[in-house]
Every structure is written in structure tokens, then in C-alpha cells.
Amino acid sequence: MILALIAGLALGTFFFGGLWWTVRKAVQAKIPALWFAGSLIIRLTVTMVGFYLIGAVSWQRLLVCVVGFVLARMLVIRFTKTRDEKMIQQQKE
């Protein structure tokens, strides 16, 4: 179960960290729709394959993996919010 939680944390970090990274890159891109579409396909594919491999064994493992995924979402939001606030503060100075 611990490995399922760690896998969920990894999948969530990849998914939501990748989303944050994509938004930052797409803002400066010539064709932002390509960034968003490509990122979505990659992030969803990796995440769904991960959930499938973990959840194929038992639904309990899948549930623990989803809990790790949601926890990773909270951590990524907290980390990126703090980082973005620091960058905004530096730009004001």
C-alpha cells in the first residue's frame, strides 16, 4: 500500500507539475494550443497507464493511489503558489 501511495504522489506530481510547467511555457509560445494539447495527451496517457497498472491488482491499491494523487495536487499547488508569489515580489522590486 505504501508503494501505491508513493506511485500516486509521483503521478500527481507529474500531472499537476506538468500542467504548471505547460501553462508557463504556453504563455510565451507562438502556438499555445499545441503546447496545451500535447501536454494534455502526454500527462493523461502517463497518468492513466499508471492508474491502470496499480489498480489492476486491487481496488484498494487504486484508492490509495488516488489519495496520493490528490495529496500531490495539494503539494504542487502550495509549492507553485509560493514560488509564483516570490517571483511577483521580485518583479515589483
PDB file of N, CA and C in Angstrom:
ATOM      1  N   MET A   1       0.814  -1.197   0.000  1.00  0.00           N
ATOM      2  CA  MET A   1       0.000   0.000   0.000  1.00  0.00           C
ATOM      3  C   MET A   1       0.861   1.265   0.000  1.00  0.00           C
ATOM      4  N   ILE A   2       2.001   1.196   0.684  1.00  0.00           N
ATOM      5  CA  ILE A   2       2.907   2.348   0.717  1.00  0.00           C
ATOM      6  C   ILE A   2       3.406   2.657  -0.691  1.00  0.00           C
ATOM      7  N   LEU A   3       3.713   1.615  -1.444  1.00  0.00           N
ATOM      8  CA  LEU A   3       4.179   1.832  -2.816  1.00  0.00           C
ATOM      9  C   LEU A   3       3.085   2.443  -3.683  1.00  0.00           C
ATOM     10  N   ALA A   4       1.840   2.056  -3.460  1.00  0.00           N
ATOM     11  CA  ALA A   4       0.731   2.644  -4.207  1.00  0.00           C
ATOM     12  C   ALA A   4       0.584   4.126  -3.868  1.00  0.00           C
ATOM     13  N   LEU A   5       0.767   4.485  -2.608  1.00  0.00           N
ATOM     14  CA  LEU A   5       0.702   5.885  -2.200  1.00  0.00           C
ATOM     15  C   LEU A   5       1.836   6.685  -2.845  1.00  0.00           C
ATOM     16  N   ILE A   6       3.030   6.131  -2.829  1.00  0.00           N
ATOM     17  CA  ILE A   6       4.182   6.793  -3.443  1.00  0.00           C
ATOM     18  C   ILE A   6       3.972   6.943  -4.949  1.00  0.00           C
ATOM     19  N   ALA A   7       3.431   5.912  -5.568  1.00  0.00           N
ATOM     20  CA  ALA A   7       3.144   5.984  -7.003  1.00  0.00           C
ATOM     21  C   ALA A   7       2.100   7.058  -7.295  1.00  0.00           C
ATOM     22  N   GLY A   8       1.079   7.162  -6.451  1.00  0.00           N
ATOM     23  CA  GLY A   8       0.072   8.207  -6.615  1.00  0.00           C
ATOM     24  C   GLY A   8       0.672   9.597  -6.466  1.00  0.00           C
ATOM     25  N   LEU A   9       1.559   9.752  -5.492  1.00  0.00           N
ATOM     26  CA  LEU A   9       2.256  11.031  -5.319  1.00  0.00           C
ATOM     27  C   LEU A   9       3.090  11.366  -6.557  1.00  0.00           C
ATOM     28  N   ALA A  10       3.760  10.365  -7.096  1.00  0.00           N
ATOM     29  CA  ALA A  10       4.584  10.586  -8.290  1.00  0.00           C
ATOM     30  C   ALA A  10       3.713  10.943  -9.493  1.00  0.00           C
ATOM     31  N   LEU A  11       2.623  10.216  -9.672  1.00  0.00           N
ATOM     32  CA  LEU A  11       1.723  10.510 -10.792  1.00  0.00           C
ATOM     33  C   LEU A  11       1.114  11.903 -10.657  1.00  0.00           C
ATOM     34  N   GLY A  12       0.698  12.263  -9.457  1.00  0.00           N
ATOM     35  CA  GLY A  12       0.115  13.572  -9.237  1.00  0.00           C
ATOM     36  C   GLY A  12       1.118  14.694  -9.445  1.00  0.00           C
ATOM     37  N   THR A  13       2.328  14.480  -8.972  1.00  0.00           N
ATOM     38  CA  THR A  13       3.372  15.483  -9.167  1.00  0.00           C
ATOM     39  C   THR A  13       3.665  15.656 -10.650  1.00  0.00           C
ATOM     40  N   PHE A  14       3.736  14.545 -11.368  1.00  0.00           N
ATOM     41  CA  PHE A  14       3.963  14.613 -12.809  1.00  0.00           C
ATOM     42  C   PHE A  14       2.814  15.337 -13.511  1.00  0.00           C
ATOM     43  N   PHE A  15       1.579  14.986 -13.166  1.00  0.00           N
ATOM     44  CA  PHE A  15       0.417  15.552 -13.836  1.00  0.00           C
ATOM     45  C   PHE A  15       0.267  17.046 -13.543  1.00  0.00           C
ATOM     46  N   PHE A  16       0.228  17.413 -12.280  1.00  0.00           N
ATOM     47  CA  PHE A  16      -0.026  18.809 -11.926  1.00  0.00           C
ATOM     48  C   PHE A  16       1.216  19.684 -12.082  1.00  0.00           C
ATOM     49  N   GLY A  17       2.389  19.127 -11.830  1.00  0.00           N
ATOM     50  CA  GLY A  17       3.616  19.864 -12.104  1.00  0.00           C
ATOM     51  C   GLY A  17       3.778  20.107 -13.599  1.00  0.00           C
ATOM     52  N   GLY A  18       3.426  19.101 -14.390  1.00  0.00           N
ATOM     53  CA  GLY A  18       3.465  19.258 -15.839  1.00  0.00           C
ATOM     54  C   GLY A  18       2.470  20.296 -16.332  1.00  0.00           C
ATOM     55  N   LEU A  19       1.313  20.351 -15.702  1.00  0.00           N
ATOM     56  CA  LEU A  19       0.316  21.367 -16.057  1.00  0.00           C
ATOM     57  C   LEU A  19       0.850  22.763 -15.762  1.00  0.00           C
ATOM     58  N   TRP A  20       1.442  22.938 -14.595  1.00  0.00           N
ATOM     59  CA  TRP A  20       2.001  24.234 -14.218  1.00  0.00           C
ATOM     60  C   TRP A  20       3.104  24.641 -15.201  1.00  0.00           C
ATOM     61  N   TRP A  21       3.974  23.709 -15.519  1.00  0.00           N
ATOM     62  CA  TRP A  21       5.065  23.967 -16.449  1.00  0.00           C
ATOM     63  C   TRP A  21       4.527  24.325 -17.837  1.00  0.00           C
ATOM     64  N   THR A  22       3.495  23.607 -18.276  1.00  0.00           N
ATOM     65  CA  THR A  22       2.898  23.864 -19.579  1.00  0.00           C
ATOM     66  C   THR A  22       2.298  25.261 -19.658  1.00  0.00           C
ATOM     67  N   VAL A  23       1.595  25.661 -18.624  1.00  0.00           N
ATOM     68  CA  VAL A  23       0.992  26.993 -18.623  1.00  0.00           C
ATOM     69  C   VAL A  23       2.080  28.058 -18.714  1.00  0.00           C
ATOM     70  N   ARG A  24       3.152  27.877 -17.991  1.00  0.00           N
ATOM     71  CA  ARG A  24       4.244  28.860 -18.024  1.00  0.00           C
ATOM     72  C   ARG A  24       4.889  28.923 -19.402  1.00  0.00           C
ATOM     73  N   LYS A  25       5.061  27.790 -20.066  1.00  0.00           N
ATOM     74  CA  LYS A  25       5.678  27.760 -21.391  1.00  0.00           C
ATOM     75  C   LYS A  25       4.715  28.236 -22.476  1.00  0.00           C
ATOM     76  N   ALA A  26       3.453  27.859 -22.369  1.00  0.00           N
ATOM     77  CA  ALA A  26       2.480  28.169 -23.413  1.00  0.00           C
ATOM     78  C   ALA A  26       2.193  29.661 -23.499  1.00  0.00           C
ATOM     79  N   VAL A  27       2.325  30.367 -22.397  1.00  0.00           N
ATOM     80  CA  VAL A  27       2.080  31.808 -22.402  1.00  0.00           C
ATOM     81  C   VAL A  27       3.052  32.507 -23.357  1.00  0.00           C
ATOM     82  N   GLN A  28       4.255  32.000 -23.474  1.00  0.00           N
ATOM     83  CA  GLN A  28       5.280  32.619 -24.306  1.00  0.00           C
ATOM     84  C   GLN A  28       5.386  31.986 -25.699  1.00  0.00           C
ATOM     85  N   ALA A  29       4.628  30.933 -25.957  1.00  0.00           N
ATOM     86  CA  ALA A  29       4.748  30.202 -27.212  1.00  0.00           C
ATOM     87  C   ALA A  29       3.987  30.885 -28.346  1.00  0.00           C
ATOM     88  N   LYS A  30       4.423  30.609 -29.560  1.00  0.00           N
ATOM     89  CA  LYS A  30       3.724  31.136 -30.732  1.00  0.00           C
ATOM     90  C   LYS A  30       2.398  30.415 -30.949  1.00  0.00           C
ATOM     91  N   ILE A  31       2.394  29.120 -30.663  1.00  0.00           N
ATOM     92  CA  ILE A  31       1.178  28.321 -30.824  1.00  0.00           C
ATOM     93  C   ILE A  31       0.868  27.654 -29.480  1.00  0.00           C
ATOM     94  N   PRO A  32       0.216  28.366 -28.567  1.00  0.00           N
ATOM     95  CA  PRO A  32      -0.034  27.802 -27.237  1.00  0.00           C
ATOM     96  C   PRO A  32      -0.961  26.587 -27.256  1.00  0.00           C
ATOM     97  N   ALA A  33      -1.860  26.528 -28.214  1.00  0.00           N
ATOM     98  CA  ALA A  33      -2.777  25.384 -28.278  1.00  0.00           C
ATOM     99  C   ALA A  33      -2.013  24.082 -28.477  1.00  0.00           C
ATOM    100  N   LEU A  34      -0.924  24.129 -29.219  1.00  0.00           N
ATOM    101  CA  LEU A  34      -0.105  22.938 -29.430  1.00  0.00           C
ATOM    102  C   LEU A  34       0.531  22.480 -28.120  1.00  0.00           C
ATOM    103  N   TRP A  35       0.995  23.425 -27.314  1.00  0.00           N
ATOM    104  CA  TRP A  35       1.560  23.092 -26.003  1.00  0.00           C
ATOM    105  C   TRP A  35       0.508  22.442 -25.110  1.00  0.00           C
ATOM    106  N   PHE A  36      -0.666  23.070 -25.053  1.00  0.00           N
ATOM    107  CA  PHE A  36      -1.717  22.543 -24.187  1.00  0.00           C
ATOM    108  C   PHE A  36      -2.190  21.167 -24.634  1.00  0.00           C
ATOM    109  N   ALA A  37      -2.407  20.993 -25.931  1.00  0.00           N
ATOM    110  CA  ALA A  37      -2.890  19.705 -26.443  1.00  0.00           C
ATOM    111  C   ALA A  37      -1.850  18.606 -26.255  1.00  0.00           C
ATOM    112  N   GLY A  38      -0.605  18.913 -26.619  1.00  0.00           N
ATOM    113  CA  GLY A  38       0.450  17.914 -26.471  1.00  0.00           C
ATOM    114  C   GLY A  38       0.675  17.527 -25.015  1.00  0.00           C
ATOM    115  N   SER A  39       0.685  18.522 -24.149  1.00  0.00           N
ATOM    116  CA  SER A  39       0.874  18.262 -22.729  1.00  0.00           C
ATOM    117  C   SER A  39      -0.269  17.436 -22.158  1.00  0.00           C
ATOM    118  N   LEU A  40      -1.491  17.783 -22.542  1.00  0.00           N
ATOM    119  CA  LEU A  40      -2.655  17.035 -22.047  1.00  0.00           C
ATOM    120  C   LEU A  40      -2.574  15.569 -22.444  1.00  0.00           C
ATOM    121  N   ILE A  41      -2.241  15.312 -23.690  1.00  0.00           N
ATOM    122  CA  ILE A  41      -2.164  13.929 -24.167  1.00  0.00           C
ATOM    123  C   ILE A  41      -1.084  13.161 -23.414  1.00  0.00           C
ATOM    124  N   ILE A  42       0.078  13.763 -23.252  1.00  0.00           N
ATOM    125  CA  ILE A  42       1.176  13.083 -22.549  1.00  0.00           C
ATOM    126  C   ILE A  42       0.831  12.856 -21.082  1.00  0.00           C
ATOM    127  N   ARG A  43       0.347  13.912 -20.405  1.00  0.00           N
ATOM    128  CA  ARG A  43       0.033  13.799 -18.975  1.00  0.00           C
ATOM    129  C   ARG A  43      -1.079  12.786 -18.718  1.00  0.00           C
ATOM    130  N   LEU A  44      -2.126  12.819 -19.537  1.00  0.00           N
ATOM    131  CA  LEU A  44      -3.219  11.866 -19.350  1.00  0.00           C
ATOM    132  C   LEU A  44      -2.789  10.433 -19.634  1.00  0.00           C
ATOM    133  N   THR A  45      -1.999  10.248 -20.688  1.00  0.00           N
ATOM    134  CA  THR A  45      -1.543   8.893 -21.030  1.00  0.00           C
ATOM    135  C   THR A  45      -0.707   8.291 -19.908  1.00  0.00           C
ATOM    136  N   VAL A  46       0.275   9.048 -19.433  1.00  0.00           N
ATOM    137  CA  VAL A  46       1.139   8.539 -18.360  1.00  0.00           C
ATOM    138  C   VAL A  46       0.322   8.263 -17.099  1.00  0.00           C
ATOM    139  N   THR A  47      -0.560   9.186 -16.750  1.00  0.00           N
ATOM    140  CA  THR A  47      -1.347   9.038 -15.529  1.00  0.00           C
ATOM    141  C   THR A  47      -2.320   7.861 -15.621  1.00  0.00           C
ATOM    142  N   MET A  48      -3.005   7.729 -16.725  1.00  0.00           N
ATOM    143  CA  MET A  48      -3.977   6.631 -16.871  1.00  0.00           C
ATOM    144  C   MET A  48      -3.283   5.266 -16.904  1.00  0.00           C
ATOM    145  N   VAL A  49      -2.148   5.193 -17.576  1.00  0.00           N
ATOM    146  CA  VAL A  49      -1.400   3.927 -17.591  1.00  0.00           C
ATOM    147  C   VAL A  49      -0.933   3.589 -16.173  1.00  0.00           C
ATOM    148  N   GLY A  50      -0.465   4.585 -15.444  1.00  0.00           N
ATOM    149  CA  GLY A  50      -0.046   4.363 -14.061  1.00  0.00           C
ATOM    150  C   GLY A  50      -1.191   3.877 -13.188  1.00  0.00           C
ATOM    151  N   PHE A  51      -2.349   4.548 -13.289  1.00  0.00           N
ATOM    152  CA  PHE A  51      -3.512   4.106 -12.523  1.00  0.00           C
ATOM    153  C   PHE A  51      -3.934   2.693 -12.919  1.00  0.00           C
ATOM    154  N   TYR A  52      -3.880   2.396 -14.191  1.00  0.00           N
ATOM    155  CA  TYR A  52      -4.272   1.064 -14.656  1.00  0.00           C
ATOM    156  C   TYR A  52      -3.345  -0.010 -14.089  1.00  0.00           C
ATOM    157  N   LEU A  53      -2.055   0.230 -14.163  1.00  0.00           N
ATOM    158  CA  LEU A  53      -1.100  -0.765 -13.671  1.00  0.00           C
ATOM    159  C   LEU A  53      -1.217  -0.973 -12.162  1.00  0.00           C
ATOM    160  N   ILE A  54      -1.457   0.100 -11.436  1.00  0.00           N
ATOM    161  CA  ILE A  54      -1.566  -0.014  -9.984  1.00  0.00           C
ATOM    162  C   ILE A  54      -2.919  -0.595  -9.579  1.00  0.00           C
ATOM    163  N   GLY A  55      -3.977  -0.139 -10.238  1.00  0.00           N
ATOM    164  CA  GLY A  55      -5.323  -0.568  -9.880  1.00  0.00           C
ATOM    165  C   GLY A  55      -5.724  -1.925 -10.411  1.00  0.00           C
ATOM    166  N   ALA A  56      -4.933  -2.497 -11.319  1.00  0.00           N
ATOM    167  CA  ALA A  56      -5.273  -3.805 -11.873  1.00  0.00           C
ATOM    168  C   ALA A  56      -5.187  -4.899 -10.812  1.00  0.00           C
ATOM    169  N   VAL A  57      -4.357  -4.680  -9.820  1.00  0.00           N
ATOM    170  CA  VAL A  57      -4.174  -5.685  -8.773  1.00  0.00           C
ATOM    171  C   VAL A  57      -5.374  -5.694  -7.814  1.00  0.00           C
ATOM    172  N   SER A  58      -5.761  -4.517  -7.331  1.00  0.00           N
ATOM    173  CA  SER A  58      -6.896  -4.438  -6.416  1.00  0.00           C
ATOM    174  C   SER A  58      -7.434  -3.013  -6.368  1.00  0.00           C
ATOM    175  N   TRP A  59      -8.707  -2.894  -6.055  1.00  0.00           N
ATOM    176  CA  TRP A  59      -9.316  -1.575  -5.980  1.00  0.00           C
ATOM    177  C   TRP A  59      -8.794  -0.788  -4.784  1.00  0.00           C
ATOM    178  N   GLN A  60      -8.326  -1.481  -3.735  1.00  0.00           N
ATOM    179  CA  GLN A  60      -7.775  -0.794  -2.580  1.00  0.00           C
ATOM    180  C   GLN A  60      -6.487  -0.059  -2.947  1.00  0.00           C
ATOM    181  N   ARG A  61      -5.667  -0.708  -3.756  1.00  0.00           N
ATOM    182  CA  ARG A  61      -4.434  -0.062  -4.208  1.00  0.00           C
ATOM    183  C   ARG A  61      -4.750   1.158  -5.076  1.00  0.00           C
ATOM    184  N   LEU A  62      -5.762   1.009  -5.917  1.00  0.00           N
ATOM    185  CA  LEU A  62      -6.167   2.134  -6.754  1.00  0.00           C
ATOM    186  C   LEU A  62      -6.635   3.302  -5.896  1.00  0.00           C
ATOM    187  N   LEU A  63      -7.398   3.009  -4.869  1.00  0.00           N
ATOM    188  CA  LEU A  63      -7.896   4.054  -3.978  1.00  0.00           C
ATOM    189  C   LEU A  63      -6.742   4.767  -3.270  1.00  0.00           C
ATOM    190  N   VAL A  64      -5.775   4.019  -2.784  1.00  0.00           N
ATOM    191  CA  VAL A  64      -4.604   4.610  -2.118  1.00  0.00           C
ATOM    192  C   VAL A  64      -3.804   5.444  -3.122  1.00  0.00           C
ATOM    193  N   CYS A  65      -3.706   4.982  -4.344  1.00  0.00           N
ATOM    194  CA  CYS A  65      -3.005   5.717  -5.390  1.00  0.00           C
ATOM    195  C   CYS A  65      -3.707   7.045  -5.677  1.00  0.00           C
ATOM    196  N   VAL A  66      -5.022   7.028  -5.729  1.00  0.00           N
ATOM    197  CA  VAL A  66      -5.785   8.258  -5.961  1.00  0.00           C
ATOM    198  C   VAL A  66      -5.598   9.229  -4.792  1.00  0.00           C
ATOM    199  N   VAL A  67      -5.540   8.707  -3.582  1.00  0.00           N
ATOM    200  CA  VAL A  67      -5.285   9.570  -2.421  1.00  0.00           C
ATOM    201  C   VAL A  67      -3.915  10.240  -2.567  1.00  0.00           C
ATOM    202  N   GLY A  68      -2.912   9.488  -2.978  1.00  0.00           N
ATOM    203  CA  GLY A  68      -1.589  10.065  -3.223  1.00  0.00           C
ATOM    204  C   GLY A  68      -1.616  11.101  -4.330  1.00  0.00           C
ATOM    205  N   PHE A  69      -2.413  10.847  -5.352  1.00  0.00           N
ATOM    206  CA  PHE A  69      -2.560  11.781  -6.471  1.00  0.00           C
ATOM    207  C   PHE A  69      -3.141  13.114  -5.985  1.00  0.00           C
ATOM    208  N   VAL A  70      -4.175  13.041  -5.157  1.00  0.00           N
ATOM    209  CA  VAL A  70      -4.814  14.248  -4.625  1.00  0.00           C
ATOM    210  C   VAL A  70      -3.861  14.987  -3.674  1.00  0.00           C
ATOM    211  N   LEU A  71      -3.126  14.241  -2.869  1.00  0.00           N
ATOM    212  CA  LEU A  71      -2.139  14.866  -1.983  1.00  0.00           C
ATOM    213  C   LEU A  71      -1.073  15.605  -2.795  1.00  0.00           C
ATOM    214  N   ALA A  72      -0.642  14.987  -3.884  1.00  0.00           N
ATOM    215  CA  ALA A  72       0.354  15.629  -4.740  1.00  0.00           C
ATOM    216  C   ALA A  72      -0.209  16.909  -5.333  1.00  0.00           C
ATOM    217  N   ARG A  73      -1.483  16.930  -5.662  1.00  0.00           N
ATOM    218  CA  ARG A  73      -2.116  18.147  -6.176  1.00  0.00           C
ATOM    219  C   ARG A  73      -1.991  19.274  -5.161  1.00  0.00           C
ATOM    220  N   MET A  74      -2.293  18.961  -3.908  1.00  0.00           N
ATOM    221  CA  MET A  74      -2.201  19.975  -2.865  1.00  0.00           C
ATOM    222  C   MET A  74      -0.763  20.472  -2.693  1.00  0.00           C
ATOM    223  N   LEU A  75       0.187  19.552  -2.737  1.00  0.00           N
ATOM    224  CA  LEU A  75       1.592  19.934  -2.588  1.00  0.00           C
ATOM    225  C   LEU A  75       2.075  20.784  -3.754  1.00  0.00           C
ATOM    226  N   VAL A  76       1.702  20.418  -4.964  1.00  0.00           N
ATOM    227  CA  VAL A  76       2.121  21.189  -6.138  1.00  0.00           C
ATOM    228  C   VAL A  76       1.503  22.579  -6.092  1.00  0.00           C
ATOM    229  N   ILE A  77       0.243  22.679  -5.704  1.00  0.00           N
ATOM    230  CA  ILE A  77      -0.396  23.994  -5.594  1.00  0.00           C
ATOM    231  C   ILE A  77       0.332  24.853  -4.570  1.00  0.00           C
ATOM    232  N   ARG A  78       0.644  24.277  -3.434  1.00  0.00           N
ATOM    233  CA  ARG A  78       1.343  25.035  -2.393  1.00  0.00           C
ATOM    234  C   ARG A  78       2.730  25.471  -2.866  1.00  0.00           C
ATOM    235  N   PHE A  79       3.462  24.565  -3.499  1.00  0.00           N
ATOM    236  CA  PHE A  79       4.813  24.875  -3.964  1.00  0.00           C
ATOM    237  C   PHE A  79       4.785  25.936  -5.060  1.00  0.00           C
ATOM    238  N   THR A  80       3.920  25.778  -6.043  1.00  0.00           N
ATOM    239  CA  THR A  80       3.894  26.720  -7.157  1.00  0.00           C
ATOM    240  C   THR A  80       3.347  28.076  -6.740  1.00  0.00           C
ATOM    241  N   LYS A  81       2.410  28.094  -5.822  1.00  0.00           N
ATOM    242  CA  LYS A  81       1.865  29.359  -5.340  1.00  0.00           C
ATOM    243  C   LYS A  81       2.955  30.160  -4.636  1.00  0.00           C
ATOM    244  N   THR A  82       3.707  29.508  -3.776  1.00  0.00           N
ATOM    245  CA  THR A  82       4.793  30.167  -3.065  1.00  0.00           C
ATOM    246  C   THR A  82       5.848  30.663  -4.045  1.00  0.00           C
ATOM    247  N   ARG A  83       6.185  29.839  -4.999  1.00  0.00           N
ATOM    248  CA  ARG A  83       7.207  30.209  -5.975  1.00  0.00           C
ATOM    249  C   ARG A  83       6.743  31.377  -6.842  1.00  0.00           C
ATOM    250  N   ASP A  84       5.498  31.336  -7.294  1.00  0.00           N
ATOM    251  CA  ASP A  84       4.977  32.424  -8.116  1.00  0.00           C
ATOM    252  C   ASP A  84       4.870  33.723  -7.331  1.00  0.00           C
ATOM    253  N   GLU A  85       4.492  33.636  -6.061  1.00  0.00           N
ATOM    254  CA  GLU A  85       4.424  34.838  -5.233  1.00  0.00           C
ATOM    255  C   GLU A  85       5.807  35.466  -5.063  1.00  0.00           C
ATOM    256  N   LYS A  86       6.831  34.642  -4.895  1.00  0.00           N
ATOM    257  CA  LYS A  86       8.196  35.153  -4.766  1.00  0.00           C
ATOM    258  C   LYS A  86       8.635  35.837  -6.054  1.00  0.00           C
ATOM    259  N   MET A  87       8.287  35.246  -7.207  1.00  0.00           N
ATOM    260  CA  MET A  87       8.668  35.835  -8.480  1.00  0.00           C
ATOM    261  C   MET A  87       7.961  37.170  -8.699  1.00  0.00           C
ATOM    262  N   ILE A  88       6.704  37.274  -8.316  1.00  0.00           N
ATOM    263  CA  ILE A  88       5.968  38.520  -8.452  1.00  0.00           C
ATOM    264  C   ILE A  88       6.570  39.577  -7.546  1.00  0.00           C
ATOM    265  N   GLN A  89       6.935  39.182  -6.344  1.00  0.00           N
ATOM    266  CA  GLN A  89       7.549  40.110  -5.384  1.00  0.00           C
ATOM    267  C   GLN A  89       8.869  40.636  -5.940  1.00  0.00           C
ATOM    268  N   GLN A  90       9.667  39.769  -6.562  1.00  0.00           N
ATOM    269  CA  GLN A  90      10.949  40.193  -7.111  1.00  0.00           C
ATOM    270  C   GLN A  90      10.759  41.139  -8.300  1.00  0.00           C
ATOM    271  N   GLN A  91       9.724  40.916  -9.081  1.00  0.00           N
ATOM    272  CA  GLN A  91       9.464  41.775 -10.241  1.00  0.00           C
ATOM    273  C   GLN A  91       9.027  43.161  -9.797  1.00  0.00           C
ATOM    274  N   LYS A  92       8.347  43.254  -8.664  1.00  0.00           N
ATOM    275  CA  LYS A  92       7.909  44.557  -8.155  1.00  0.00           C
ATOM    276  C   LYS A  92       9.089  45.382  -7.666  1.00  0.00           C
ATOM    277  N   GLU A  93      10.125  44.701  -7.165  1.00  0.00           N
ATOM    278  CA  GLU A  93      11.293  45.393  -6.608  1.00  0.00           C
ATOM    279  C   GLU A  93      12.220  45.833  -7.662  1.00  0.00           C
TER     280      GLU A  93
END
